Amino acid sequence: MLEMIDVGYEKAVAYRVGGKITEAEMKSVLSTFKEKIDKGEKLLVYQEIVSIGGVDFDAVIEKLKFLIDFGLSYFSRIAVVTHQKWIHKLVDLEGKLFKNMQMKGFSVEEKDKAIEFLKG
């Protein structure tokens, strides 16, 4: 499941991940990304991970097509909120690898800090 959510900051693309991600759900989020890019906006992403249950193969293909077409240069900041500490470590590592964007992991109790991070 990948569902769009409202975190009270209209500039952010916010969604929750819980369980398996379908192709339709991936297309929905990527469509929102494309709309912002078409408006000339940088992407501010709030990702709340409840659980990870896999990804449909077609959803992976959609994400790869998006990355081939647009790359990572449109991403400005990504806040990942989860209770899973290993994901925080992974996000921090990705933040060090991808210098053109800022990525940071937050605990579930730090949702407000995650939104402030996106606001810069």
C-alpha atoms as a PDB file:
ATOM      1  CA  MET A   1       0.000   0.000   0.000  1.00  0.00           C
ATOM      2  CA  LEU A   2       1.225   3.426  -0.929  1.00  0.00           C
ATOM      3  CA  GLU A   3      -1.226   6.212  -0.133  1.00  0.00           C
ATOM      4  CA  MET A   4      -1.021   9.957  -0.460  1.00  0.00           C
ATOM      5  CA  ILE A   5      -1.403  11.798   2.865  1.00  0.00           C
ATOM      6  CA  ASP A   6      -1.681  15.401   4.005  1.00  0.00           C
ATOM      7  CA  VAL A   7       1.023  16.585   6.403  1.00  0.00           C
ATOM      8  CA  GLY A   8      -0.061  20.218   6.438  1.00  0.00           C
ATOM      9  CA  TYR A   9       2.629  21.469   4.057  1.00  0.00           C
ATOM     10  CA  GLU A  10       1.290  21.856   0.520  1.00  0.00           C
ATOM     11  CA  LYS A  11       4.733  22.064  -1.111  1.00  0.00           C
ATOM     12  CA  ALA A  12       5.564  18.530   0.025  1.00  0.00           C
ATOM     13  CA  VAL A  13       4.601  15.327  -1.732  1.00  0.00           C
ATOM     14  CA  ALA A  14       3.607  13.170   1.220  1.00  0.00           C
ATOM     15  CA  TYR A  15       2.761   9.488   1.252  1.00  0.00           C
ATOM     16  CA  ARG A  16       2.615   6.483   3.555  1.00  0.00           C
ATOM     17  CA  VAL A  17       4.043   3.045   2.741  1.00  0.00           C
ATOM     18  CA  GLY A  18       2.558  -0.034   4.367  1.00  0.00           C
ATOM     19  CA  GLY A  19       2.796  -3.476   2.854  1.00  0.00           C
ATOM     20  CA  LYS A  20       3.222  -4.219  -0.832  1.00  0.00           C
ATOM     21  CA  ILE A  21       3.387  -1.368  -3.372  1.00  0.00           C
ATOM     22  CA  THR A  22       1.391  -1.837  -6.582  1.00  0.00           C
ATOM     23  CA  GLU A  23       2.040  -0.423 -10.042  1.00  0.00           C
ATOM     24  CA  ALA A  24      -1.043   1.823  -9.812  1.00  0.00           C
ATOM     25  CA  GLU A  25       0.082   3.254  -6.480  1.00  0.00           C
ATOM     26  CA  MET A  26       3.585   3.929  -7.822  1.00  0.00           C
ATOM     27  CA  LYS A  27       2.145   5.632 -10.918  1.00  0.00           C
ATOM     28  CA  SER A  28       0.021   7.868  -8.682  1.00  0.00           C
ATOM     29  CA  VAL A  29       3.015   9.136  -6.686  1.00  0.00           C
ATOM     30  CA  LEU A  30       5.205   9.513  -9.775  1.00  0.00           C
ATOM     31  CA  SER A  31       2.416  11.465 -11.483  1.00  0.00           C
ATOM     32  CA  THR A  32       2.412  13.904  -8.560  1.00  0.00           C
ATOM     33  CA  PHE A  33       6.205  14.215  -8.869  1.00  0.00           C
ATOM     34  CA  LYS A  34       5.869  14.958 -12.611  1.00  0.00           C
ATOM     35  CA  GLU A  35       3.231  17.635 -11.986  1.00  0.00           C
ATOM     36  CA  LYS A  36       5.569  19.461  -9.600  1.00  0.00           C
ATOM     37  CA  ILE A  37       8.510  19.128 -12.000  1.00  0.00           C
ATOM     38  CA  ASP A  38       6.377  20.472 -14.874  1.00  0.00           C
ATOM     39  CA  LYS A  39       5.614  23.537 -12.702  1.00  0.00           C
ATOM     40  CA  GLY A  40       9.356  24.061 -12.226  1.00  0.00           C
ATOM     41  CA  GLU A  41       9.296  23.043  -8.577  1.00  0.00           C
ATOM     42  CA  LYS A  42      11.923  21.042  -6.734  1.00  0.00           C
ATOM     43  CA  LEU A  43      10.606  17.917  -5.037  1.00  0.00           C
ATOM     44  CA  LEU A  44      10.169  17.934  -1.278  1.00  0.00           C
ATOM     45  CA  VAL A  45       9.212  14.415  -0.239  1.00  0.00           C
ATOM     46  CA  TYR A  46       7.720  13.215   3.041  1.00  0.00           C
ATOM     47  CA  GLN A  47       7.734   9.421   3.186  1.00  0.00           C
ATOM     48  CA  GLU A  48       6.185   7.640   6.153  1.00  0.00           C
ATOM     49  CA  ILE A  49       7.077   3.955   6.299  1.00  0.00           C
ATOM     50  CA  VAL A  50       4.773   1.810   8.421  1.00  0.00           C
ATOM     51  CA  SER A  51       5.968  -1.482   6.952  1.00  0.00           C
ATOM     52  CA  ILE A  52       7.637  -2.785   3.820  1.00  0.00           C
ATOM     53  CA  GLY A  53       5.973  -5.732   2.158  1.00  0.00           C
ATOM     54  CA  GLY A  54       7.604  -5.679  -1.238  1.00  0.00           C
ATOM     55  CA  VAL A  55       7.014  -3.974  -4.548  1.00  0.00           C
ATOM     56  CA  ASP A  56       5.268  -5.278  -7.662  1.00  0.00           C
ATOM     57  CA  PHE A  57       7.748  -5.761 -10.499  1.00  0.00           C
ATOM     58  CA  ASP A  58       5.753  -3.373 -12.713  1.00  0.00           C
ATOM     59  CA  ALA A  59       5.961  -0.720  -9.966  1.00  0.00           C
ATOM     60  CA  VAL A  60       9.764  -1.056 -10.003  1.00  0.00           C
ATOM     61  CA  ILE A  61       9.742  -0.631 -13.793  1.00  0.00           C
ATOM     62  CA  GLU A  62       7.651   2.555 -13.460  1.00  0.00           C
ATOM     63  CA  LYS A  63      10.087   3.985 -10.915  1.00  0.00           C
ATOM     64  CA  LEU A  64      13.070   3.127 -13.121  1.00  0.00           C
ATOM     65  CA  LYS A  65      11.403   4.799 -16.131  1.00  0.00           C
ATOM     66  CA  PHE A  66      10.837   7.906 -14.029  1.00  0.00           C
ATOM     67  CA  LEU A  67      14.476   7.972 -12.873  1.00  0.00           C
ATOM     68  CA  ILE A  68      15.729   7.501 -16.443  1.00  0.00           C
ATOM     69  CA  ASP A  69      13.518  10.343 -17.683  1.00  0.00           C
ATOM     70  CA  PHE A  70      14.077  12.769 -14.812  1.00  0.00           C
ATOM     71  CA  GLY A  71      17.056  11.574 -12.753  1.00  0.00           C
ATOM     72  CA  LEU A  72      17.585  12.706  -9.191  1.00  0.00           C
ATOM     73  CA  SER A  73      18.299  16.371  -9.873  1.00  0.00           C
ATOM     74  CA  TYR A  74      14.695  17.440  -9.197  1.00  0.00           C
ATOM     75  CA  PHE A  75      14.743  16.105  -5.636  1.00  0.00           C
ATOM     76  CA  SER A  76      15.625  18.730  -3.053  1.00  0.00           C
ATOM     77  CA  ARG A  77      14.819  17.165   0.331  1.00  0.00           C
ATOM     78  CA  ILE A  78      13.498  13.811   1.419  1.00  0.00           C
ATOM     79  CA  ALA A  79      12.289  13.124   4.957  1.00  0.00           C
ATOM     80  CA  VAL A  80      11.700   9.482   5.842  1.00  0.00           C
ATOM     81  CA  VAL A  81       9.628   8.854   8.967  1.00  0.00           C
ATOM     82  CA  THR A  82       9.602   5.355  10.435  1.00  0.00           C
ATOM     83  CA  HIS A  83      10.053   3.418  13.654  1.00  0.00           C
ATOM     84  CA  GLN A  84      12.535   1.110  11.907  1.00  0.00           C
ATOM     85  CA  LYS A  85      16.045   2.233  12.879  1.00  0.00           C
ATOM     86  CA  TRP A  86      17.767   0.296  10.076  1.00  0.00           C
ATOM     87  CA  ILE A  87      15.892   2.444   7.561  1.00  0.00           C
ATOM     88  CA  HIS A  88      17.206   5.597   9.288  1.00  0.00           C
ATOM     89  CA  LYS A  89      20.755   4.312   8.764  1.00  0.00           C
ATOM     90  CA  LEU A  90      20.051   3.510   5.118  1.00  0.00           C
ATOM     91  CA  VAL A  91      18.544   6.966   4.506  1.00  0.00           C
ATOM     92  CA  ASP A  92      21.526   8.668   6.155  1.00  0.00           C
ATOM     93  CA  LEU A  93      23.883   6.664   3.920  1.00  0.00           C
ATOM     94  CA  GLU A  94      21.887   7.582   0.798  1.00  0.00           C
ATOM     95  CA  GLY A  95      22.041  11.232   1.897  1.00  0.00           C
ATOM     96  CA  LYS A  96      25.822  11.035   1.890  1.00  0.00           C
ATOM     97  CA  LEU A  97      25.928   9.315  -1.521  1.00  0.00           C
ATOM     98  CA  PHE A  98      23.553  11.690  -3.321  1.00  0.00           C
ATOM     99  CA  LYS A  99      25.047  15.132  -2.759  1.00  0.00           C
ATOM    100  CA  ASN A 100      22.503  17.068  -4.834  1.00  0.00           C
ATOM    101  CA  MET A 101      19.682  16.393  -2.337  1.00  0.00           C
ATOM    102  CA  GLN A 102      19.257  16.284   1.415  1.00  0.00           C
ATOM    103  CA  MET A 103      17.864  13.126   2.985  1.00  0.00           C
ATOM    104  CA  LYS A 104      17.196  12.478   6.628  1.00  0.00           C
ATOM    105  CA  GLY A 105      15.491   9.793   8.698  1.00  0.00           C
ATOM    106  CA  PHE A 106      13.142  10.640  11.563  1.00  0.00           C
ATOM    107  CA  SER A 107      11.389   8.584  14.213  1.00  0.00           C
ATOM    108  CA  VAL A 108       7.580   8.476  14.251  1.00  0.00           C
ATOM    109  CA  GLU A 109       7.646  10.833  17.238  1.00  0.00           C
ATOM    110  CA  GLU A 110       9.621  13.371  15.174  1.00  0.00           C
ATOM    111  CA  LYS A 111       7.043  13.978  12.412  1.00  0.00           C
ATOM    112  CA  ASP A 112       7.027  17.716  13.158  1.00  0.00           C
ATOM    113  CA  LYS A 113      10.824  17.850  12.829  1.00  0.00           C
ATOM    114  CA  ALA A 114      10.578  16.031   9.486  1.00  0.00           C
ATOM    115  CA  ILE A 115       8.201  18.682   8.136  1.00  0.00           C
ATOM    116  CA  GLU A 116      10.437  21.487   9.433  1.00  0.00           C
ATOM    117  CA  PHE A 117      13.367  19.791   7.669  1.00  0.00           C
ATOM    118  CA  LEU A 118      11.421  19.917   4.396  1.00  0.00           C
ATOM    119  CA  LYS A 119      10.658  23.604   4.884  1.00  0.00           C
ATOM    120  CA  GLY A 120      14.373  24.248   5.220  1.00  0.00           C
END
